[in-house]
Amino acid sequence: MSLKILICGDVNGQFDSLLKRVNAVNKKNGPFDMLFCVGEFFGPNKESNEQIINGIVKMPISTYILGSCCPSTSQFYPKDGVEFFANLTYLGKRGILNTTGGLQVAYLSGVEGTQGLPYQFNQKDVNELLKSVKASTGYLGLDLLLTSMWPAGVPVHVTSNFKVLDKLSKKDIEGSCILSQLAAGLKPRYHFAGMGTHYERTPYRNHRVLQEVAQHVTRFIGLAPVINPEKDKWLYAFSITPMRKLSRAQITAQPDNTTEFPYMEILARMILEY
């Protein structure tokens, strides 16, 4: 059975706009099973943040948020994941969530950094998440990967829609090489990220044709912040059947527009550097 999911970009404390849009979409096309928020959830207004945390303002569906991306909002996130109130759960800095519907969701909050600050992640965090791959015999992948930052090298091998690619180059979005490493290892069917602009990449393969056993494709989707001057898309709705409930033929189906794996050069460079 498929699940109906909503994903939104950086909320930045724009809770009224978020609630209005989610309520409208849920009424028209729902009911949705859950909402995941990537990027920064809280904003500069302490009172508004606390109203959400304390359940004075309620989320209409089960909502899961990532952690802080900057110093100013770190105070609103506890050290570990917690259910703030009914329908609002802070996932924590990193981990893998297994939902009651069978969905497997990996997540990594914050921005890459080396100072060990609450809103930063580093190679150690990535290695911890990749332990699940190394510990699992016959690991195939998981359903969703949620990150605040983009991985580096997302547009590599994309040759269509030059207008969108030009827009991305002008945005100068900072990507993380260790997030590319994470995406390569976890092999998510969907990878969502905030902290940038709206961009839906054509699917990419997780195997080399004629050299490796066929695997599923990954779809990377970057989402814009709630209320942005370009009016870019910040809420994404889709249906997904959990990977564990699909046949191998269904899992490995390759859309016509599938590209090669984009992170090969980055991974090769990282191996040389280490």
C-alpha atoms as a PDB file:
ATOM      1  CA  MET A   1       0.000   0.000   0.000  1.00  0.00           C
ATOM      2  CA  SER A   2       1.361   3.415  -0.944  1.00  0.00           C
ATOM      3  CA  LEU A   3       1.843   6.274   1.501  1.00  0.00           C
ATOM      4  CA  LYS A   4       1.055   9.913   0.726  1.00  0.00           C
ATOM      5  CA  ILE A   5       3.922  12.153   1.774  1.00  0.00           C
ATOM      6  CA  LEU A   6       4.560  15.904   1.891  1.00  0.00           C
ATOM      7  CA  ILE A   7       8.068  17.395   1.976  1.00  0.00           C
ATOM      8  CA  CYS A   8       8.723  21.098   2.539  1.00  0.00           C
ATOM      9  CA  GLY A   9      11.833  23.257   2.322  1.00  0.00           C
ATOM     10  CA  ASP A  10      13.178  25.660   4.943  1.00  0.00           C
ATOM     11  CA  VAL A  11      10.265  26.988   6.992  1.00  0.00           C
ATOM     12  CA  ASN A  12      12.335  29.685   8.765  1.00  0.00           C
ATOM     13  CA  GLY A  13       9.516  30.325  11.222  1.00  0.00           C
ATOM     14  CA  GLN A  14       6.906  31.033   8.525  1.00  0.00           C
ATOM     15  CA  PHE A  15       4.420  28.788  10.314  1.00  0.00           C
ATOM     16  CA  ASP A  16       1.243  30.569   9.182  1.00  0.00           C
ATOM     17  CA  SER A  17       2.155  30.129   5.517  1.00  0.00           C
ATOM     18  CA  LEU A  18       3.162  26.518   6.102  1.00  0.00           C
ATOM     19  CA  LEU A  19      -0.068  25.639   7.904  1.00  0.00           C
ATOM     20  CA  LYS A  20      -2.254  27.397   5.351  1.00  0.00           C
ATOM     21  CA  ARG A  21      -0.639  25.557   2.441  1.00  0.00           C
ATOM     22  CA  VAL A  22      -0.511  22.153   4.134  1.00  0.00           C
ATOM     23  CA  ASN A  23      -4.153  22.410   5.206  1.00  0.00           C
ATOM     24  CA  ALA A  24      -5.205  23.344   1.670  1.00  0.00           C
ATOM     25  CA  VAL A  25      -3.234  20.522   0.023  1.00  0.00           C
ATOM     26  CA  ASN A  26      -4.372  17.997   2.615  1.00  0.00           C
ATOM     27  CA  LYS A  27      -8.008  18.983   2.098  1.00  0.00           C
ATOM     28  CA  LYS A  28      -7.779  18.872  -1.698  1.00  0.00           C
ATOM     29  CA  ASN A  29      -5.515  15.859  -2.274  1.00  0.00           C
ATOM     30  CA  GLY A  30      -5.227  14.133   1.111  1.00  0.00           C
ATOM     31  CA  PRO A  31      -5.296  12.754   3.576  1.00  0.00           C
ATOM     32  CA  PHE A  32      -1.491  12.711   3.720  1.00  0.00           C
ATOM     33  CA  ASP A  33       0.273  10.342   6.084  1.00  0.00           C
ATOM     34  CA  MET A  34       3.132  12.621   7.097  1.00  0.00           C
ATOM     35  CA  LEU A  35       5.070  15.815   6.454  1.00  0.00           C
ATOM     36  CA  PHE A  36       8.866  16.031   6.522  1.00  0.00           C
ATOM     37  CA  CYS A  37      10.566  19.434   6.767  1.00  0.00           C
ATOM     38  CA  VAL A  38      14.130  19.727   5.454  1.00  0.00           C
ATOM     39  CA  GLY A  39      16.379  22.688   6.199  1.00  0.00           C
ATOM     40  CA  GLU A  40      15.722  25.238   8.942  1.00  0.00           C
ATOM     41  CA  PHE A  41      12.345  24.895  10.667  1.00  0.00           C
ATOM     42  CA  PHE A  42      12.405  27.600  13.337  1.00  0.00           C
ATOM     43  CA  GLY A  43      12.819  31.334  12.775  1.00  0.00           C
ATOM     44  CA  PRO A  44      13.966  34.447  14.665  1.00  0.00           C
ATOM     45  CA  ASN A  45      10.683  34.965  16.555  1.00  0.00           C
ATOM     46  CA  LYS A  46      11.031  33.168  19.897  1.00  0.00           C
ATOM     47  CA  GLU A  47       7.328  33.462  20.752  1.00  0.00           C
ATOM     48  CA  SER A  48       6.222  31.886  17.456  1.00  0.00           C
ATOM     49  CA  ASN A  49       8.723  29.065  17.875  1.00  0.00           C
ATOM     50  CA  GLU A  50       7.522  28.311  21.401  1.00  0.00           C
ATOM     51  CA  GLN A  51       3.872  28.283  20.307  1.00  0.00           C
ATOM     52  CA  ILE A  52       4.708  25.492  17.868  1.00  0.00           C
ATOM     53  CA  ILE A  53       6.906  23.620  20.372  1.00  0.00           C
ATOM     54  CA  ASN A  54       4.251  23.771  23.110  1.00  0.00           C
ATOM     55  CA  GLY A  55       1.372  22.769  20.855  1.00  0.00           C
ATOM     56  CA  ILE A  56      -0.468  26.083  21.068  1.00  0.00           C
ATOM     57  CA  VAL A  57      -0.260  26.120  17.277  1.00  0.00           C
ATOM     58  CA  LYS A  58      -0.872  22.567  16.058  1.00  0.00           C
ATOM     59  CA  MET A  59       0.343  20.786  12.948  1.00  0.00           C
ATOM     60  CA  PRO A  60      -2.540  19.197  10.975  1.00  0.00           C
ATOM     61  CA  ILE A  61      -0.668  15.967  10.139  1.00  0.00           C
ATOM     62  CA  SER A  62       2.261  14.019  11.615  1.00  0.00           C
ATOM     63  CA  THR A  63       5.248  16.299  11.057  1.00  0.00           C
ATOM     64  CA  TYR A  64       8.950  15.468  11.335  1.00  0.00           C
ATOM     65  CA  ILE A  65      11.622  18.163  11.332  1.00  0.00           C
ATOM     66  CA  LEU A  66      15.397  18.268  10.993  1.00  0.00           C
ATOM     67  CA  GLY A  67      17.705  20.189  13.318  1.00  0.00           C
ATOM     68  CA  SER A  68      19.233  23.637  13.306  1.00  0.00           C
ATOM     69  CA  CYS A  69      21.287  25.026  10.425  1.00  0.00           C
ATOM     70  CA  CYS A  70      22.560  28.175  12.187  1.00  0.00           C
ATOM     71  CA  PRO A  71      23.566  29.427  15.671  1.00  0.00           C
ATOM     72  CA  SER A  72      20.474  31.586  16.225  1.00  0.00           C
ATOM     73  CA  THR A  73      17.978  28.700  16.240  1.00  0.00           C
ATOM     74  CA  SER A  74      20.076  26.038  18.007  1.00  0.00           C
ATOM     75  CA  GLN A  75      18.507  26.898  21.373  1.00  0.00           C
ATOM     76  CA  PHE A  76      15.117  25.573  20.241  1.00  0.00           C
ATOM     77  CA  TYR A  77      16.377  22.046  19.559  1.00  0.00           C
ATOM     78  CA  PRO A  78      17.189  19.562  22.338  1.00  0.00           C
ATOM     79  CA  LYS A  79      20.311  17.440  22.055  1.00  0.00           C
ATOM     80  CA  ASP A  80      18.372  14.348  21.013  1.00  0.00           C
ATOM     81  CA  GLY A  81      15.240  13.740  18.975  1.00  0.00           C
ATOM     82  CA  VAL A  82      11.962  14.327  20.782  1.00  0.00           C
ATOM     83  CA  GLU A  83       8.227  14.593  20.194  1.00  0.00           C
ATOM     84  CA  PHE A  84       7.583  18.262  20.990  1.00  0.00           C
ATOM     85  CA  PHE A  85       3.847  17.795  20.948  1.00  0.00           C
ATOM     86  CA  ALA A  86       1.244  15.703  19.160  1.00  0.00           C
ATOM     87  CA  ASN A  87       2.015  15.729  15.410  1.00  0.00           C
ATOM     88  CA  LEU A  88       5.405  17.467  15.765  1.00  0.00           C
ATOM     89  CA  THR A  89       8.587  15.423  16.155  1.00  0.00           C
ATOM     90  CA  TYR A  90      12.193  16.595  16.055  1.00  0.00           C
ATOM     91  CA  LEU A  91      14.089  13.709  14.475  1.00  0.00           C
ATOM     92  CA  GLY A  92      17.471  14.625  15.934  1.00  0.00           C
ATOM     93  CA  LYS A  93      20.847  15.295  14.371  1.00  0.00           C
ATOM     94  CA  ARG A  94      21.113  12.037  12.450  1.00  0.00           C
ATOM     95  CA  GLY A  95      19.554   8.609  12.284  1.00  0.00           C
ATOM     96  CA  ILE A  96      17.239   6.247  10.448  1.00  0.00           C
ATOM     97  CA  LEU A  97      13.491   6.324  11.038  1.00  0.00           C
ATOM     98  CA  ASN A  98      11.357   3.251  10.374  1.00  0.00           C
ATOM     99  CA  THR A  99       7.722   4.332  10.150  1.00  0.00           C
ATOM    100  CA  THR A 100       4.733   2.180  11.045  1.00  0.00           C
ATOM    101  CA  GLY A 101       3.814   2.163   7.350  1.00  0.00           C
ATOM    102  CA  GLY A 102       7.116   0.487   6.445  1.00  0.00           C
ATOM    103  CA  LEU A 103       8.974   3.551   5.143  1.00  0.00           C
ATOM    104  CA  GLN A 104      12.698   3.742   5.926  1.00  0.00           C
ATOM    105  CA  VAL A 105      13.982   7.311   6.201  1.00  0.00           C
ATOM    106  CA  ALA A 106      17.590   8.386   6.813  1.00  0.00           C
ATOM    107  CA  TYR A 107      18.311  11.959   7.882  1.00  0.00           C
ATOM    108  CA  LEU A 108      21.215  14.276   8.646  1.00  0.00           C
ATOM    109  CA  SER A 109      20.614  17.767  10.021  1.00  0.00           C
ATOM    110  CA  GLY A 110      22.616  20.959   9.726  1.00  0.00           C
ATOM    111  CA  VAL A 111      25.578  22.195   7.709  1.00  0.00           C
ATOM    112  CA  GLU A 112      29.004  20.665   7.231  1.00  0.00           C
ATOM    113  CA  GLY A 113      31.589  22.001   9.669  1.00  0.00           C
ATOM    114  CA  THR A 114      34.651  21.051  11.695  1.00  0.00           C
ATOM    115  CA  GLN A 115      34.009  22.917  14.959  1.00  0.00           C
ATOM    116  CA  GLY A 116      31.597  20.396  16.452  1.00  0.00           C
ATOM    117  CA  LEU A 117      28.851  22.977  16.932  1.00  0.00           C
ATOM    118  CA  PRO A 118      25.234  21.810  17.452  1.00  0.00           C
ATOM    119  CA  TYR A 119      24.191  22.855  13.955  1.00  0.00           C
ATOM    120  CA  GLN A 120      27.156  21.199  12.205  1.00  0.00           C
ATOM    121  CA  PHE A 121      27.787  17.676  10.928  1.00  0.00           C
ATOM    122  CA  ASN A 122      31.073  16.079   9.921  1.00  0.00           C
ATOM    123  CA  GLN A 123      32.631  12.902   8.535  1.00  0.00           C
ATOM    124  CA  LYS A 124      31.974  11.052  11.791  1.00  0.00           C
ATOM    125  CA  ASP A 125      28.218  11.628  11.448  1.00  0.00           C
ATOM    126  CA  VAL A 126      28.282  10.319   7.890  1.00  0.00           C
ATOM    127  CA  ASN A 127      30.304   7.272   8.945  1.00  0.00           C
ATOM    128  CA  GLU A 128      27.785   6.488  11.698  1.00  0.00           C
ATOM    129  CA  LEU A 129      24.918   6.535   9.211  1.00  0.00           C
ATOM    130  CA  LEU A 130      26.851   4.358   6.787  1.00  0.00           C
ATOM    131  CA  LYS A 131      27.358   1.694   9.466  1.00  0.00           C
ATOM    132  CA  SER A 132      23.877   0.409   8.640  1.00  0.00           C
ATOM    133  CA  VAL A 133      25.103  -0.335   5.117  1.00  0.00           C
ATOM    134  CA  LYS A 134      28.262  -2.115   6.238  1.00  0.00           C
ATOM    135  CA  ALA A 135      26.404  -4.120   8.893  1.00  0.00           C
ATOM    136  CA  SER A 136      23.664  -5.318   6.543  1.00  0.00           C
ATOM    137  CA  THR A 137      24.258  -8.302   4.283  1.00  0.00           C
ATOM    138  CA  GLY A 138      22.786  -7.652   0.864  1.00  0.00           C
ATOM    139  CA  TYR A 139      21.922  -4.023   1.579  1.00  0.00           C
ATOM    140  CA  LEU A 140      19.745  -2.661  -1.238  1.00  0.00           C
ATOM    141  CA  GLY A 141      18.974   0.905  -0.182  1.00  0.00           C
ATOM    142  CA  LEU A 142      16.261   2.840   1.613  1.00  0.00           C
ATOM    143  CA  ASP A 143      13.265   4.958   0.737  1.00  0.00           C
ATOM    144  CA  LEU A 144      14.162   8.542   1.676  1.00  0.00           C
ATOM    145  CA  LEU A 145      17.246  10.546   2.584  1.00  0.00           C
ATOM    146  CA  LEU A 146      16.587  13.958   4.143  1.00  0.00           C
ATOM    147  CA  THR A 147      19.413  16.488   4.473  1.00  0.00           C
ATOM    148  CA  SER A 148      19.502  20.195   5.175  1.00  0.00           C
ATOM    149  CA  MET A 149      22.373  20.810   2.736  1.00  0.00           C
ATOM    150  CA  TRP A 150      22.722  19.685  -0.841  1.00  0.00           C
ATOM    151  CA  PRO A 151      25.328  17.103  -1.790  1.00  0.00           C
ATOM    152  CA  ALA A 152      28.086  18.305  -4.119  1.00  0.00           C
ATOM    153  CA  GLY A 153      27.890  17.426  -7.804  1.00  0.00           C
ATOM    154  CA  VAL A 154      24.126  17.043  -8.137  1.00  0.00           C
ATOM    155  CA  PRO A 155      23.868  18.361 -11.760  1.00  0.00           C
ATOM    156  CA  VAL A 156      26.714  16.179 -13.126  1.00  0.00           C
ATOM    157  CA  HIS A 157      25.551  14.200 -16.212  1.00  0.00           C
ATOM    158  CA  VAL A 158      22.399  16.314 -16.551  1.00  0.00           C
ATOM    159  CA  THR A 159      22.282  17.621 -20.129  1.00  0.00           C
ATOM    160  CA  SER A 160      18.673  18.754 -20.462  1.00  0.00           C
ATOM    161  CA  ASN A 161      16.887  21.917 -19.332  1.00  0.00           C
ATOM    162  CA  PHE A 162      19.772  24.380 -19.663  1.00  0.00           C
ATOM    163  CA  LYS A 163      17.596  27.165 -18.269  1.00  0.00           C
ATOM    164  CA  VAL A 164      17.338  25.360 -14.934  1.00  0.00           C
ATOM    165  CA  LEU A 165      21.052  24.503 -14.915  1.00  0.00           C
ATOM    166  CA  ASP A 166      21.908  28.153 -15.565  1.00  0.00           C
ATOM    167  CA  LYS A 167      19.677  29.166 -12.677  1.00  0.00           C
ATOM    168  CA  LEU A 168      21.482  26.703 -10.400  1.00  0.00           C
ATOM    169  CA  SER A 169      24.890  28.062 -11.367  1.00  0.00           C
ATOM    170  CA  LYS A 170      23.767  31.601 -10.531  1.00  0.00           C
ATOM    171  CA  LYS A 171      22.424  30.470  -7.146  1.00  0.00           C
ATOM    172  CA  ASP A 172      25.920  29.256  -6.205  1.00  0.00           C
ATOM    173  CA  ILE A 173      24.519  26.563  -3.924  1.00  0.00           C
ATOM    174  CA  GLU A 174      27.133  25.143  -1.597  1.00  0.00           C
ATOM    175  CA  GLY A 175      27.231  21.362  -1.760  1.00  0.00           C
ATOM    176  CA  SER A 176      28.847  18.906   0.631  1.00  0.00           C
ATOM    177  CA  CYS A 177      31.153  16.167  -0.681  1.00  0.00           C
ATOM    178  CA  ILE A 178      30.539  14.017   2.379  1.00  0.00           C
ATOM    179  CA  LEU A 179      26.796  14.222   1.669  1.00  0.00           C
ATOM    180  CA  SER A 180      27.572  12.916  -1.826  1.00  0.00           C
ATOM    181  CA  GLN A 181      29.400  10.065  -0.090  1.00  0.00           C
ATOM    182  CA  LEU A 182      26.377   9.490   2.152  1.00  0.00           C
ATOM    183  CA  ALA A 183      23.938   9.421  -0.766  1.00  0.00           C
ATOM    184  CA  ALA A 184      26.216   7.016  -2.640  1.00  0.00           C
ATOM    185  CA  GLY A 185      26.358   4.642   0.318  1.00  0.00           C
ATOM    186  CA  LEU A 186      22.738   4.758   1.464  1.00  0.00           C
ATOM    187  CA  LYS A 187      21.261   4.616  -2.052  1.00  0.00           C
ATOM    188  CA  PRO A 188      17.963   6.377  -1.281  1.00  0.00           C
ATOM    189  CA  ARG A 189      15.120   6.206  -3.759  1.00  0.00           C
ATOM    190  CA  TYR A 190      14.496   9.896  -3.039  1.00  0.00           C
ATOM    191  CA  HIS A 191      16.944  12.452  -1.655  1.00  0.00           C
ATOM    192  CA  PHE A 192      15.386  15.717  -0.455  1.00  0.00           C
ATOM    193  CA  ALA A 193      17.347  18.798   0.630  1.00  0.00           C
ATOM    194  CA  GLY A 194      16.634  22.389   1.625  1.00  0.00           C
ATOM    195  CA  MET A 195      18.898  25.436   1.926  1.00  0.00           C
ATOM    196  CA  GLY A 196      18.792  26.290  -1.737  1.00  0.00           C
ATOM    197  CA  THR A 197      16.282  26.483  -4.522  1.00  0.00           C
ATOM    198  CA  HIS A 198      13.748  24.222  -6.177  1.00  0.00           C
ATOM    199  CA  TYR A 199      15.390  21.658  -8.436  1.00  0.00           C
ATOM    200  CA  GLU A 200      14.122  18.241  -9.494  1.00  0.00           C
ATOM    201  CA  ARG A 201      17.013  16.308 -10.973  1.00  0.00           C
ATOM    202  CA  THR A 202      16.405  13.569 -13.513  1.00  0.00           C
ATOM    203  CA  PRO A 203      16.840  10.151 -11.852  1.00  0.00           C
ATOM    204  CA  TYR A 204      20.341   8.684 -11.649  1.00  0.00           C
ATOM    205  CA  ARG A 205      21.526   5.076 -11.561  1.00  0.00           C
ATOM    206  CA  ASN A 206      23.131   3.487  -8.533  1.00  0.00           C
ATOM    207  CA  HIS A 207      24.974   0.912 -10.651  1.00  0.00           C
ATOM    208  CA  ARG A 208      27.252   0.813 -13.685  1.00  0.00           C
ATOM    209  CA  VAL A 209      25.470  -0.595 -16.722  1.00  0.00           C
ATOM    210  CA  LEU A 210      26.762  -4.038 -17.803  1.00  0.00           C
ATOM    211  CA  GLN A 211      29.298  -3.978 -14.954  1.00  0.00           C
ATOM    212  CA  GLU A 212      27.122  -4.267 -11.856  1.00  0.00           C
ATOM    213  CA  VAL A 213      23.797  -5.817 -10.877  1.00  0.00           C
ATOM    214  CA  ALA A 214      20.888  -3.483 -11.674  1.00  0.00           C
ATOM    215  CA  GLN A 215      19.703  -1.343  -8.770  1.00  0.00           C
ATOM    216  CA  HIS A 216      16.987   1.247  -8.270  1.00  0.00           C
ATOM    217  CA  VAL A 217      17.368   4.869  -9.323  1.00  0.00           C
ATOM    218  CA  THR A 218      17.650   7.894  -7.033  1.00  0.00           C
ATOM    219  CA  ARG A 219      15.647  11.077  -7.511  1.00  0.00           C
ATOM    220  CA  PHE A 220      17.198  14.197  -5.975  1.00  0.00           C
ATOM    221  CA  ILE A 221      14.794  17.040  -5.190  1.00  0.00           C
ATOM    222  CA  GLY A 222      15.873  20.373  -3.749  1.00  0.00           C
ATOM    223  CA  LEU A 223      13.178  22.597  -2.276  1.00  0.00           C
ATOM    224  CA  ALA A 224      13.043  26.368  -1.901  1.00  0.00           C
ATOM    225  CA  PRO A 225      12.305  28.111   1.417  1.00  0.00           C
ATOM    226  CA  VAL A 226       8.713  28.840   2.409  1.00  0.00           C
ATOM    227  CA  ILE A 227       7.921  32.318   1.011  1.00  0.00           C
ATOM    228  CA  ASN A 228      10.746  33.083  -1.410  1.00  0.00           C
ATOM    229  CA  PRO A 229      11.006  36.036  -3.839  1.00  0.00           C
ATOM    230  CA  GLU A 230      11.213  33.783  -6.913  1.00  0.00           C
ATOM    231  CA  LYS A 231       8.029  31.963  -5.801  1.00  0.00           C
ATOM    232  CA  ASP A 232       9.842  28.680  -6.336  1.00  0.00           C
ATOM    233  CA  LYS A 233       8.275  25.419  -5.247  1.00  0.00           C
ATOM    234  CA  TRP A 234       8.730  24.683  -1.556  1.00  0.00           C
ATOM    235  CA  LEU A 235       6.155  21.937  -0.938  1.00  0.00           C
ATOM    236  CA  TYR A 236       6.385  18.589  -2.711  1.00  0.00           C
ATOM    237  CA  ALA A 237       3.622  15.972  -2.619  1.00  0.00           C
ATOM    238  CA  PHE A 238       3.996  12.385  -3.766  1.00  0.00           C
ATOM    239  CA  SER A 239       2.942   8.801  -3.116  1.00  0.00           C
ATOM    240  CA  ILE A 240       5.425   6.038  -2.381  1.00  0.00           C
ATOM    241  CA  THR A 241       5.201   2.330  -1.703  1.00  0.00           C
ATOM    242  CA  PRO A 242       7.908   1.299   0.779  1.00  0.00           C
ATOM    243  CA  MET A 243      10.837  -0.483  -0.816  1.00  0.00           C
ATOM    244  CA  ARG A 244      10.393  -3.591   1.317  1.00  0.00           C
ATOM    245  CA  LYS A 245       6.919  -4.086  -0.187  1.00  0.00           C
ATOM    246  CA  LEU A 246       8.028  -3.974  -3.842  1.00  0.00           C
ATOM    247  CA  SER A 247       9.210  -6.751  -6.146  1.00  0.00           C
ATOM    248  CA  ARG A 248      12.762  -6.636  -7.488  1.00  0.00           C
ATOM    249  CA  ALA A 249      11.423  -5.822 -10.970  1.00  0.00           C
ATOM    250  CA  GLN A 250       9.497  -2.856  -9.571  1.00  0.00           C
ATOM    251  CA  ILE A 251      12.491  -1.624  -7.591  1.00  0.00           C
ATOM    252  CA  THR A 252      14.984  -1.758 -10.474  1.00  0.00           C
ATOM    253  CA  ALA A 253      12.766  -0.200 -13.176  1.00  0.00           C
ATOM    254  CA  GLN A 254      14.768   2.485 -15.023  1.00  0.00           C
ATOM    255  CA  PRO A 255      12.921   5.537 -16.422  1.00  0.00           C
ATOM    256  CA  ASP A 256      13.902   6.603 -19.947  1.00  0.00           C
ATOM    257  CA  ASN A 257      15.538   9.821 -18.733  1.00  0.00           C
ATOM    258  CA  THR A 258      17.807   8.119 -16.168  1.00  0.00           C
ATOM    259  CA  THR A 259      21.400   9.420 -16.106  1.00  0.00           C
ATOM    260  CA  GLU A 260      24.660   7.938 -14.913  1.00  0.00           C
ATOM    261  CA  PHE A 261      25.694   8.162 -11.263  1.00  0.00           C
ATOM    262  CA  PRO A 262      26.809  11.791 -10.596  1.00  0.00           C
ATOM    263  CA  TYR A 263      29.185  11.373  -7.643  1.00  0.00           C
ATOM    264  CA  MET A 264      31.869   9.065  -9.084  1.00  0.00           C
ATOM    265  CA  GLU A 265      34.541  11.757  -9.505  1.00  0.00           C
ATOM    266  CA  ILE A 266      33.884  13.160  -6.038  1.00  0.00           C
ATOM    267  CA  LEU A 267      34.221   9.718  -4.433  1.00  0.00           C
ATOM    268  CA  ALA A 268      37.422   9.000  -6.361  1.00  0.00           C
ATOM    269  CA  ARG A 269      38.880  12.330  -5.248  1.00  0.00           C
ATOM    270  CA  MET A 270      37.935  11.677  -1.623  1.00  0.00           C
ATOM    271  CA  ILE A 271      39.678   8.285  -1.712  1.00  0.00           C
ATOM    272  CA  LEU A 272      42.874   9.936  -2.958  1.00  0.00           C
ATOM    273  CA  GLU A 273      42.675  12.646  -0.302  1.00  0.00           C
ATOM    274  CA  TYR A 274      42.237  10.159   2.528  1.00  0.00           C
END
